[in-house]
Protein backbone atom coordinates (compact mmCIF):
# COMPACT_ATOMS: atom_id res chain seq x y z
CA MET A 1 49.29 103.04 83.00
CA VAL A 2 50.04 99.31 83.20
CA ASN A 3 52.42 99.63 80.27
CA ASP A 4 54.34 102.40 82.05
CA ILE A 5 54.67 100.28 85.18
CA ASN A 6 55.91 97.31 83.15
CA GLU A 7 58.48 99.55 81.43
CA GLN A 8 59.68 100.84 84.79
CA ILE A 9 59.97 97.30 86.14
CA GLN A 10 61.85 96.19 83.03
CA GLU A 11 64.19 99.19 83.30
CA HIS A 12 64.80 98.41 86.96
CA LYS A 13 65.55 94.75 86.16
CA GLU A 14 68.06 95.78 83.48
CA LYS A 15 69.96 97.90 86.00
CA ASP A 16 69.75 95.37 88.84
CA LEU A 17 72.71 93.02 89.13
CA GLY A 18 70.51 90.14 90.24
CA PHE A 19 68.52 90.11 87.03
CA ASN A 20 71.18 91.04 84.50
CA TRP A 21 73.77 88.23 84.69
CA VAL A 22 76.01 89.66 82.01
CA MET A 23 76.46 92.94 83.84
CA SER A 24 76.79 91.27 87.22
CA SER A 25 79.37 88.75 86.07
CA ARG A 26 81.42 91.49 84.42
CA PHE A 27 81.12 93.66 87.53
CA LEU A 28 82.13 90.81 89.85
CA TYR A 29 85.04 89.90 87.56
CA TYR A 30 86.43 93.44 87.70
CA VAL A 31 85.91 93.70 91.47
CA THR A 32 87.70 90.37 91.97
CA LEU A 33 90.51 91.40 89.64
CA PHE A 34 90.94 94.72 91.45
CA CYS A 35 90.99 93.02 94.85
CA MET A 36 93.58 90.48 93.73
CA ILE A 37 95.84 93.16 92.26
CA ALA A 38 95.48 95.29 95.40
CA PHE A 39 96.28 92.29 97.62
CA ILE A 40 99.36 91.34 95.56
CA PHE A 41 100.59 94.93 95.47
CA GLY A 42 100.07 95.29 99.23
CA ALA A 43 101.88 92.03 99.96
CA CYS A 44 104.82 93.00 97.75
CA TYR A 45 105.03 96.43 99.37
CA LYS A 46 104.96 94.90 102.85
CA LEU A 47 107.71 92.44 101.91
CA TYR A 48 109.75 95.28 100.43
CA THR A 49 109.50 97.45 103.55
CA LYS A 50 110.28 94.53 105.88
CA SER A 51 113.14 93.16 103.78
CA TYR A 52 116.12 91.31 105.21
CA ASP A 53 118.77 93.79 106.33
CA GLY A 54 121.71 91.40 106.08
CA LYS A 55 123.78 89.23 108.30
CA PRO A 56 123.91 90.71 111.80
CA ASP A 57 127.25 91.01 113.57
CA VAL A 58 126.80 88.59 116.46
CA GLU A 59 129.57 88.00 118.98
CA VAL A 60 130.01 84.26 119.54
CA PRO A 61 131.78 83.09 122.70
CA ASP A 62 135.09 81.33 122.04
CA ASN A 63 134.13 78.19 123.95
CA THR A 64 131.14 77.50 121.62
CA LEU A 65 133.05 77.50 118.33
CA TYR A 66 133.58 74.37 116.22
CA LYS A 67 137.13 74.23 117.53
CA PRO A 68 136.70 75.82 120.96
CA LYS A 69 139.38 77.96 122.50
CA TYR A 70 139.83 77.49 126.21
CA LYS A 71 141.82 79.57 128.67
């Protein structure tokens, strides 16, 4: 009976991330890697969709040019 309980506790500790540092560090590494890749992909997609459309055609008044033209 006591042996069965100890085996169950040991099995639970092997599956628990707090007790098994190798599994938890590998799990956290992959979660961090996935989050970083998702963040970079999302940022690149957002920059791509909001890209610069080009130089707008703005009408500048003649009196504000470098060499102004007056009436």
